[in-house]
N, C-alpha and C. Protein backbone atom coordinates (compact mmCIF):
# COMPACT_ATOMS: atom_id res chain seq x y z
N MET A 1 13.52 -1.90 -10.89
CA MET A 1 12.71 -1.76 -9.70
C MET A 1 11.97 -0.42 -9.76
N LYS A 2 10.74 -0.45 -9.29
CA LYS A 2 9.90 0.74 -9.32
C LYS A 2 9.42 1.08 -7.91
N ASN A 3 9.21 2.36 -7.67
CA ASN A 3 8.72 2.81 -6.37
C ASN A 3 7.20 2.85 -6.34
N TYR A 4 6.65 2.49 -5.19
CA TYR A 4 5.22 2.50 -4.94
C TYR A 4 4.99 3.19 -3.61
N ARG A 5 3.89 3.91 -3.51
CA ARG A 5 3.58 4.63 -2.28
C ARG A 5 2.47 3.90 -1.53
N PHE A 6 2.73 3.55 -0.27
CA PHE A 6 1.75 2.88 0.58
C PHE A 6 1.32 3.83 1.68
N THR A 7 0.01 3.97 1.86
CA THR A 7 -0.53 4.75 2.97
C THR A 7 -1.67 3.98 3.61
N ALA A 8 -1.76 4.08 4.94
CA ALA A 8 -2.84 3.45 5.70
C ALA A 8 -3.35 4.47 6.71
N PHE A 9 -4.66 4.43 6.97
CA PHE A 9 -5.30 5.44 7.80
C PHE A 9 -6.24 4.81 8.82
N GLU A 10 -6.41 5.50 9.94
CA GLU A 10 -7.47 5.18 10.91
C GLU A 10 -8.76 5.81 10.39
N GLN A 11 -9.91 5.41 10.94
CA GLN A 11 -11.18 6.00 10.55
C GLN A 11 -11.24 7.49 10.86
N THR A 12 -10.44 7.94 11.81
CA THR A 12 -10.40 9.36 12.18
C THR A 12 -9.63 10.19 11.16
N GLY A 13 -8.94 9.54 10.23
CA GLY A 13 -8.12 10.23 9.25
C GLY A 13 -6.65 10.26 9.62
N GLU A 14 -6.31 9.79 10.82
CA GLU A 14 -4.92 9.74 11.27
C GLU A 14 -4.13 8.80 10.37
N THR A 15 -2.97 9.24 9.90
CA THR A 15 -2.11 8.42 9.05
C THR A 15 -1.35 7.43 9.91
N LEU A 16 -1.49 6.16 9.58
CA LEU A 16 -0.75 5.11 10.29
C LEU A 16 0.59 4.83 9.62
N PHE A 17 0.58 4.77 8.30
CA PHE A 17 1.78 4.51 7.52
C PHE A 17 1.77 5.39 6.27
N ASP A 18 2.91 5.90 5.91
CA ASP A 18 3.11 6.64 4.67
C ASP A 18 4.53 6.31 4.23
N GLU A 19 4.65 5.29 3.42
CA GLU A 19 5.95 4.72 3.09
C GLU A 19 6.13 4.53 1.59
N THR A 20 7.37 4.49 1.16
CA THR A 20 7.71 4.14 -0.21
C THR A 20 8.24 2.72 -0.22
N TRP A 21 7.62 1.88 -1.02
CA TRP A 21 8.05 0.49 -1.18
C TRP A 21 8.56 0.31 -2.60
N THR A 22 9.47 -0.62 -2.79
CA THR A 22 10.05 -0.88 -4.11
C THR A 22 9.75 -2.30 -4.53
N PHE A 23 9.21 -2.44 -5.75
CA PHE A 23 8.90 -3.75 -6.32
C PHE A 23 9.33 -3.77 -7.78
N GLU A 24 9.41 -4.97 -8.33
CA GLU A 24 9.84 -5.15 -9.72
C GLU A 24 8.81 -4.61 -10.71
N ASN A 25 7.53 -4.86 -10.44
CA ASN A 25 6.46 -4.42 -11.35
C ASN A 25 5.13 -4.39 -10.58
N ASP A 26 4.05 -4.02 -11.28
CA ASP A 26 2.75 -3.88 -10.63
C ASP A 26 2.24 -5.21 -10.07
N GLU A 27 2.45 -6.29 -10.78
CA GLU A 27 1.99 -7.60 -10.30
C GLU A 27 2.72 -8.01 -9.02
N ALA A 28 4.03 -7.81 -8.99
CA ALA A 28 4.80 -8.09 -7.78
C ALA A 28 4.37 -7.17 -6.64
N ALA A 29 4.05 -5.93 -6.96
CA ALA A 29 3.59 -4.98 -5.94
C ALA A 29 2.27 -5.45 -5.34
N LYS A 30 1.38 -5.95 -6.18
CA LYS A 30 0.09 -6.42 -5.69
C LYS A 30 0.26 -7.61 -4.75
N ILE A 31 1.04 -8.58 -5.15
CA ILE A 31 1.24 -9.80 -4.35
C ILE A 31 2.04 -9.51 -3.08
N ASN A 32 3.20 -8.92 -3.24
CA ASN A 32 4.08 -8.68 -2.10
C ASN A 32 3.56 -7.54 -1.22
N GLY A 33 2.89 -6.57 -1.82
CA GLY A 33 2.31 -5.49 -1.04
C GLY A 33 1.24 -6.00 -0.10
N GLN A 34 0.39 -6.91 -0.59
CA GLN A 34 -0.65 -7.49 0.26
C GLN A 34 -0.03 -8.22 1.45
N GLN A 35 1.06 -8.92 1.21
CA GLN A 35 1.76 -9.62 2.29
C GLN A 35 2.28 -8.64 3.33
N GLN A 36 2.89 -7.55 2.89
CA GLN A 36 3.42 -6.55 3.82
C GLN A 36 2.29 -5.88 4.61
N ILE A 37 1.16 -5.66 3.96
CA ILE A 37 0.00 -5.07 4.63
C ILE A 37 -0.48 -5.99 5.74
N MET A 38 -0.54 -7.29 5.47
CA MET A 38 -0.94 -8.27 6.48
C MET A 38 0.06 -8.25 7.65
N GLU A 39 1.35 -8.22 7.34
CA GLU A 39 2.38 -8.21 8.37
C GLU A 39 2.29 -6.97 9.26
N LYS A 40 1.91 -5.84 8.69
CA LYS A 40 1.78 -4.60 9.46
C LYS A 40 0.48 -4.56 10.25
N GLY A 41 -0.43 -5.49 9.98
CA GLY A 41 -1.68 -5.57 10.72
C GLY A 41 -2.70 -4.52 10.34
N VAL A 42 -2.64 -4.03 9.11
CA VAL A 42 -3.58 -2.98 8.68
C VAL A 42 -4.48 -3.43 7.52
N ALA A 43 -4.63 -4.72 7.34
CA ALA A 43 -5.46 -5.24 6.24
C ALA A 43 -6.91 -4.78 6.34
N ASN A 44 -7.40 -4.55 7.55
CA ASN A 44 -8.78 -4.11 7.74
C ASN A 44 -8.91 -2.61 7.94
N LYS A 45 -7.82 -1.89 7.79
CA LYS A 45 -7.83 -0.43 7.87
C LYS A 45 -7.89 0.12 6.44
N THR A 46 -8.30 1.37 6.31
CA THR A 46 -8.27 2.01 4.99
C THR A 46 -6.82 2.14 4.56
N HIS A 47 -6.52 1.61 3.36
CA HIS A 47 -5.16 1.69 2.85
C HIS A 47 -5.16 1.71 1.32
N ARG A 48 -4.03 2.14 0.78
CA ARG A 48 -3.86 2.14 -0.67
C ARG A 48 -2.38 1.97 -1.01
N LEU A 49 -2.17 1.39 -2.17
CA LEU A 49 -0.83 1.25 -2.73
C LEU A 49 -0.92 1.73 -4.17
N VAL A 50 -0.13 2.73 -4.51
CA VAL A 50 -0.17 3.30 -5.86
C VAL A 50 1.22 3.28 -6.47
N ASN A 51 1.26 3.18 -7.81
CA ASN A 51 2.55 3.22 -8.48
C ASN A 51 2.95 4.69 -8.70
N ALA A 52 4.11 4.90 -9.30
CA ALA A 52 4.66 6.25 -9.45
C ALA A 52 3.78 7.15 -10.31
N SER A 53 2.98 6.57 -11.21
CA SER A 53 2.10 7.38 -12.05
C SER A 53 0.73 7.59 -11.40
N GLY A 54 0.51 7.05 -10.20
CA GLY A 54 -0.73 7.24 -9.47
C GLY A 54 -1.78 6.16 -9.66
N LYS A 55 -1.45 5.11 -10.41
CA LYS A 55 -2.39 4.01 -10.62
C LYS A 55 -2.57 3.22 -9.32
N LEU A 56 -3.83 2.98 -8.94
CA LEU A 56 -4.11 2.18 -7.75
C LEU A 56 -3.75 0.72 -8.01
N ILE A 57 -2.93 0.16 -7.12
CA ILE A 57 -2.56 -1.24 -7.20
C ILE A 57 -3.38 -2.02 -6.18
N LEU A 58 -3.49 -1.50 -4.97
CA LEU A 58 -4.31 -2.08 -3.91
C LEU A 58 -5.09 -0.94 -3.25
N PHE A 59 -6.33 -1.24 -2.85
CA PHE A 59 -7.14 -0.23 -2.18
C PHE A 59 -8.16 -0.93 -1.30
N HIS A 60 -8.31 -0.44 -0.07
CA HIS A 60 -9.30 -1.01 0.85
C HIS A 60 -9.88 0.12 1.69
N VAL A 61 -11.21 0.14 1.80
CA VAL A 61 -11.87 1.15 2.63
C VAL A 61 -12.34 0.51 3.89
């Protein structure tokens, strides 16, 4: 299992979420991360999900 960092922001720059999520690999992070983003209701907010080395897995402006 690998750690991924999820952050979501308002247009004002206010941080809505800054969490560490754990997934098996990058592909699982992309699929399951998108699901968690939808559940949190921030799919249309600026957000990103990066792996431990800083690679962007998901990004939305």
